């Protein structure tokens, strides 16, 4: 009898997260929620995913922005939807209906050291609410910074704009950068390169994975049932007998 190695590996991976670790992770995340008023997550991305400062500031080639046939047909399809004239009152009503359907905006802020801070916002909140949150979690709030999107690189200067109007729905990735001319250089003459988040905030890194694994792990009863079920060998069905039952012919008279 052979067991599925992948299912066995998954069970071991889940069991590796103890209930105590899960409770500690939940407590830390709850404490951060109470302190900052939002569900904050911190994780690290590899430079290959384009989250580093160098990768984020790389400009796309010119042909990336060229108008293609696919763009033409997409715009044409949009025009067909608006072929009937609509009054301003009707347009405003449709816009309000769209706003009411999308109320959550998940914002990810990527820092030059490849760490990402994620937090949820209401779509009607302004970009200034994101700036206020960053002032609470960054390691050096006294150093001036700015936010931008890319590509192409565009600095977010109008912080009074709400997330819906900015197009940050249902979510968006923005990049964090210090205002280089206003940031003092280090003792070695090199520009400031981190850490960018407070130590307490950095301690939240990876906690959501611990909670997810603990919730997805099977309980002791489920584990026992899975193991016992897989241990029972598959029974082979008995084939019906090939022997045919003798039937008395109608013409035969005894």
Protein backbone atom coordinates (compact mmCIF):
# COMPACT_ATOMS: atom_id res chain seq x y z
CA UNK A 1 0.00 0.00 0.00
CA UNK A 2 1.36 3.43 -0.93
CA UNK A 3 0.26 6.74 0.53
CA UNK A 4 0.08 10.03 -1.34
CA UNK A 5 3.34 11.76 -0.46
CA UNK A 6 1.96 15.23 -1.22
CA UNK A 7 -0.93 14.88 1.26
CA UNK A 8 1.45 13.55 3.92
CA UNK A 9 3.77 16.51 3.35
CA UNK A 10 0.88 18.96 3.67
CA UNK A 11 -0.21 17.41 6.97
CA UNK A 12 3.30 17.72 8.36
CA UNK A 13 3.58 21.32 7.22
CA UNK A 14 0.33 22.30 8.93
CA UNK A 15 1.13 20.39 12.13
CA UNK A 16 4.42 22.33 12.39
CA UNK A 17 2.42 25.43 13.47
CA UNK A 18 1.58 24.97 17.13
CA UNK A 19 -1.58 26.45 18.69
CA UNK A 20 0.58 28.65 20.90
CA UNK A 21 2.32 30.17 17.89
CA UNK A 22 -1.02 30.80 16.24
CA UNK A 23 -2.45 32.53 19.33
CA UNK A 24 0.65 34.71 19.69
CA UNK A 25 0.41 35.73 16.05
CA UNK A 26 -3.28 36.59 16.42
CA UNK A 27 -2.55 38.62 19.55
CA UNK A 28 0.18 40.64 17.81
CA UNK A 29 -2.02 41.36 14.80
CA UNK A 30 -4.90 42.35 17.07
CA UNK A 31 -2.60 44.67 19.02
CA UNK A 32 -1.49 46.36 15.82
CA UNK A 33 -5.12 46.72 14.73
CA UNK A 34 -5.97 48.41 18.02
CA UNK A 35 -2.95 50.71 17.90
CA UNK A 36 -3.13 51.81 14.26
CA UNK A 37 -6.85 51.30 13.62
CA UNK A 38 -6.26 48.97 10.64
CA UNK A 39 -5.35 45.38 9.84
CA UNK A 40 -1.67 45.82 9.01
CA UNK A 41 0.35 43.12 7.27
CA UNK A 42 4.08 43.17 6.56
CA UNK A 43 5.87 40.87 4.15
CA UNK A 44 9.05 40.79 2.12
CA UNK A 45 9.25 40.56 -1.65
CA UNK A 46 12.21 39.36 -3.65
CA UNK A 47 14.07 41.79 -5.92
CA UNK A 48 13.09 39.60 -8.88
CA UNK A 49 9.44 40.61 -8.41
CA UNK A 50 10.34 44.19 -9.23
CA UNK A 51 9.78 45.57 -5.75
CA UNK A 52 13.26 47.04 -5.23
CA UNK A 53 14.01 50.71 -5.74
CA UNK A 54 16.05 50.10 -8.88
CA UNK A 55 13.44 47.88 -10.47
CA UNK A 56 10.58 50.20 -9.58
CA UNK A 57 12.25 53.24 -11.13
CA UNK A 58 13.12 51.53 -14.40
CA UNK A 59 11.27 53.08 -17.31
CA UNK A 60 9.43 50.95 -19.82
CA UNK A 61 10.55 51.01 -23.46
CA UNK A 62 8.82 53.42 -25.83
CA UNK A 63 6.92 50.67 -27.64
CA UNK A 64 5.24 49.80 -24.32
CA UNK A 65 3.21 53.02 -24.58
CA UNK A 66 2.41 52.76 -28.30
CA UNK A 67 -1.27 52.63 -29.29
CA UNK A 68 -2.05 49.09 -30.45
CA UNK A 69 -4.97 47.49 -32.27
CA UNK A 70 -6.03 45.86 -29.01
CA UNK A 71 -6.26 49.30 -27.38
CA UNK A 72 -8.37 50.56 -30.30
CA UNK A 73 -10.93 47.76 -30.05
CA UNK A 74 -11.11 48.12 -26.27
CA UNK A 75 -11.91 51.83 -26.63
CA UNK A 76 -14.36 51.08 -29.42
CA UNK A 77 -16.21 48.62 -27.18
CA UNK A 78 -16.44 51.30 -24.50
CA UNK A 79 -17.83 53.79 -27.01
CA UNK A 80 -20.53 51.33 -28.05
CA UNK A 81 -21.73 51.18 -24.47
CA UNK A 82 -22.10 54.99 -24.43
CA UNK A 83 -23.72 55.35 -27.85
CA UNK A 84 -26.93 56.57 -26.26
CA UNK A 85 -26.83 60.08 -24.82
CA UNK A 86 -27.26 60.21 -21.07
CA UNK A 87 -28.24 63.13 -18.92
CA UNK A 88 -25.91 64.38 -16.20
CA UNK A 89 -28.37 63.20 -13.58
CA UNK A 90 -28.31 59.67 -15.01
CA UNK A 91 -24.50 59.64 -15.24
CA UNK A 92 -24.19 60.82 -11.65
CA UNK A 93 -26.62 58.11 -10.52
CA UNK A 94 -24.62 55.41 -12.32
CA UNK A 95 -21.37 56.73 -10.83
CA UNK A 96 -22.88 56.69 -7.34
CA UNK A 97 -24.04 53.10 -7.90
CA UNK A 98 -20.53 52.05 -8.91
CA UNK A 99 -19.07 53.76 -5.85
CA UNK A 100 -21.50 51.99 -3.55
CA UNK A 101 -20.44 48.58 -4.90
CA UNK A 102 -16.72 49.13 -4.29
CA UNK A 103 -16.09 50.30 -0.73
CA UNK A 104 -12.74 48.70 0.10
CA UNK A 105 -9.31 49.61 -1.19
CA UNK A 106 -6.28 47.51 -0.25
CA UNK A 107 -3.10 49.56 -0.49
CA UNK A 108 0.39 48.07 -0.56
CA UNK A 109 3.33 50.37 0.11
CA UNK A 110 6.65 49.04 -1.13
CA UNK A 111 9.87 50.28 0.43
CA UNK A 112 13.35 50.35 -1.11
CA UNK A 113 14.50 47.48 1.16
CA UNK A 114 11.96 45.10 -0.49
CA UNK A 115 9.51 45.17 2.43
CA UNK A 116 5.82 45.82 1.81
CA UNK A 117 3.24 47.25 4.16
CA UNK A 118 -0.40 46.38 3.43
CA UNK A 119 -3.44 48.08 4.94
CA UNK A 120 -7.15 48.33 4.03
CA UNK A 121 -8.91 51.66 3.50
CA UNK A 122 -12.41 52.76 2.61
CA UNK A 123 -12.63 53.89 -1.01
CA UNK A 124 -13.92 57.29 0.15
CA UNK A 125 -10.85 57.94 2.34
CA UNK A 126 -8.18 60.24 0.98
CA UNK A 127 -4.53 59.59 0.22
CA UNK A 128 -3.73 61.76 3.22
CA UNK A 129 -5.04 58.95 5.46
CA UNK A 130 -2.34 56.72 3.97
CA UNK A 131 0.29 59.39 4.64
CA UNK A 132 -0.93 59.69 8.24
CA UNK A 133 -0.59 55.93 8.72
CA UNK A 134 2.94 55.93 7.31
CA UNK A 135 3.95 58.70 9.70
CA UNK A 136 3.00 56.33 12.53
CA UNK A 137 4.85 53.23 11.27
CA UNK A 138 8.01 54.47 9.55
CA UNK A 139 11.25 54.37 11.51
CA UNK A 140 12.12 58.01 10.83
CA UNK A 141 8.98 60.11 10.44
CA UNK A 142 11.10 63.26 10.72
CA UNK A 143 12.65 62.55 7.33
CA UNK A 144 10.57 63.91 4.43
CA UNK A 145 9.21 61.31 2.04
CA UNK A 146 6.85 61.05 -0.90
CA UNK A 147 4.74 58.38 -2.60
CA UNK A 148 4.57 57.53 -6.27
CA UNK A 149 3.15 55.02 -8.72
CA UNK A 150 4.85 53.42 -11.69
CA UNK A 151 5.04 53.01 -14.68
CA UNK A 152 5.42 55.75 -15.60
CA UNK A 153 6.68 57.26 -12.38
CA UNK A 154 4.08 59.67 -11.04
CA UNK A 155 4.31 61.35 -7.66
CA UNK A 156 1.14 61.50 -5.56
CA UNK A 157 1.00 65.21 -4.81
CA UNK A 158 -2.75 65.68 -4.33
CA UNK A 159 -3.29 63.95 -0.99
CA UNK A 160 -6.86 65.28 -0.76
CA UNK A 161 -7.96 62.91 -3.53
CA UNK A 162 -9.91 59.84 -2.40
CA UNK A 163 -8.85 56.33 -3.37
CA UNK A 164 -11.81 55.83 -5.70
CA UNK A 165 -11.08 58.98 -7.71
CA UNK A 166 -7.39 58.08 -7.82
CA UNK A 167 -8.24 54.70 -9.37
CA UNK A 168 -6.90 52.76 -6.36
CA UNK A 169 -9.78 50.28 -6.31
CA UNK A 170 -10.05 47.51 -5.38
CA UNK A 171 -6.38 48.06 -4.54
CA UNK A 172 -3.10 49.55 -5.67
CA UNK A 173 0.66 49.41 -5.18
CA UNK A 174 2.44 52.64 -4.32
CA UNK A 175 6.13 53.18 -3.72
CA UNK A 176 7.85 54.94 -0.82
CA UNK A 177 10.88 57.15 -1.30
CA UNK A 178 12.72 59.75 0.74
CA UNK A 179 13.21 63.24 -0.60
CA UNK A 180 16.93 62.78 -1.30
CA UNK A 181 18.02 66.47 -1.24
CA UNK A 182 16.45 66.90 2.21
CA UNK A 183 17.69 63.64 3.77
CA UNK A 184 21.12 63.83 5.46
CA UNK A 185 23.77 61.36 4.40
CA UNK A 186 25.13 58.70 6.73
CA UNK A 187 28.53 58.72 8.42
CA UNK A 188 30.01 56.89 5.44
CA UNK A 189 28.59 59.44 3.00
CA UNK A 190 26.05 56.96 1.60
CA UNK A 191 22.36 57.82 1.30
CA UNK A 192 19.91 56.47 3.84
CA UNK A 193 18.94 52.90 2.96
CA UNK A 194 16.86 51.70 5.91
CA UNK A 195 15.41 50.31 8.00
CA UNK A 196 12.27 52.10 6.89
CA UNK A 197 9.71 50.56 9.26
CA UNK A 198 9.72 50.57 13.04
CA UNK A 199 10.96 47.44 14.77
CA UNK A 200 7.53 46.81 16.29
CA UNK A 201 5.92 46.95 12.84
CA UNK A 202 8.59 44.69 11.35
CA UNK A 203 7.76 42.08 13.98
CA UNK A 204 4.42 41.58 12.20
CA UNK A 205 6.16 40.12 9.16
CA UNK A 206 4.89 36.64 8.28
CA UNK A 207 2.34 36.43 11.11
CA UNK A 208 -0.62 36.16 8.72
CA UNK A 209 0.93 33.01 7.22
CA UNK A 210 1.14 31.40 10.65
CA UNK A 211 -2.54 32.15 11.29
CA UNK A 212 -3.58 30.86 7.85
CA UNK A 213 -1.66 27.61 8.26
CA UNK A 214 -3.11 27.04 11.72
CA UNK A 215 -6.66 27.60 10.46
CA UNK A 216 -6.15 25.35 7.43
CA UNK A 217 -4.50 22.53 9.40
CA UNK A 218 -6.79 19.53 10.08
CA UNK A 219 -7.77 18.86 13.68
CA UNK A 220 -6.71 15.72 15.59
CA UNK A 221 -9.94 13.92 14.70
CA UNK A 222 -9.67 14.80 11.03
CA UNK A 223 -6.01 13.76 10.99
CA UNK A 224 -6.84 10.38 12.52
CA UNK A 225 -9.69 9.80 10.08
CA UNK A 226 -7.51 10.72 7.10
CA UNK A 227 -4.70 8.42 8.22
CA UNK A 228 -6.98 5.47 9.01
CA UNK A 229 -8.89 5.84 5.77
CA UNK A 230 -5.73 5.88 3.70
CA UNK A 231 -4.37 2.87 5.61
CA UNK A 232 -7.25 0.61 4.64
CA UNK A 233 -6.28 -1.31 1.51
CA UNK A 234 -8.62 -1.06 -1.39
CA UNK A 235 -10.83 -4.13 -1.58
CA UNK A 236 -11.13 -5.80 -4.89
CA UNK A 237 -14.65 -6.44 -6.05
CA UNK A 238 -15.54 -10.03 -6.72
CA UNK A 239 -16.46 -10.69 -10.27
CA UNK A 240 -19.75 -12.44 -10.89
CA UNK A 241 -19.45 -16.16 -11.57
CA UNK A 242 -19.15 -17.13 -15.19
CA UNK A 243 -21.26 -20.23 -14.57
CA UNK A 244 -24.70 -19.96 -16.07
CA UNK A 245 -27.70 -21.23 -14.23
CA UNK A 246 -29.27 -24.33 -15.85
CA UNK A 247 -32.74 -23.51 -17.17
CA UNK A 248 -35.26 -26.24 -18.01
CA UNK A 249 -36.44 -26.04 -21.66
CA UNK A 250 -40.18 -25.55 -22.16
CA UNK A 251 -40.42 -28.43 -24.64
CA UNK A 252 -38.95 -30.93 -22.18
CA UNK A 253 -41.63 -32.90 -20.37
CA UNK A 254 -40.75 -35.17 -17.54
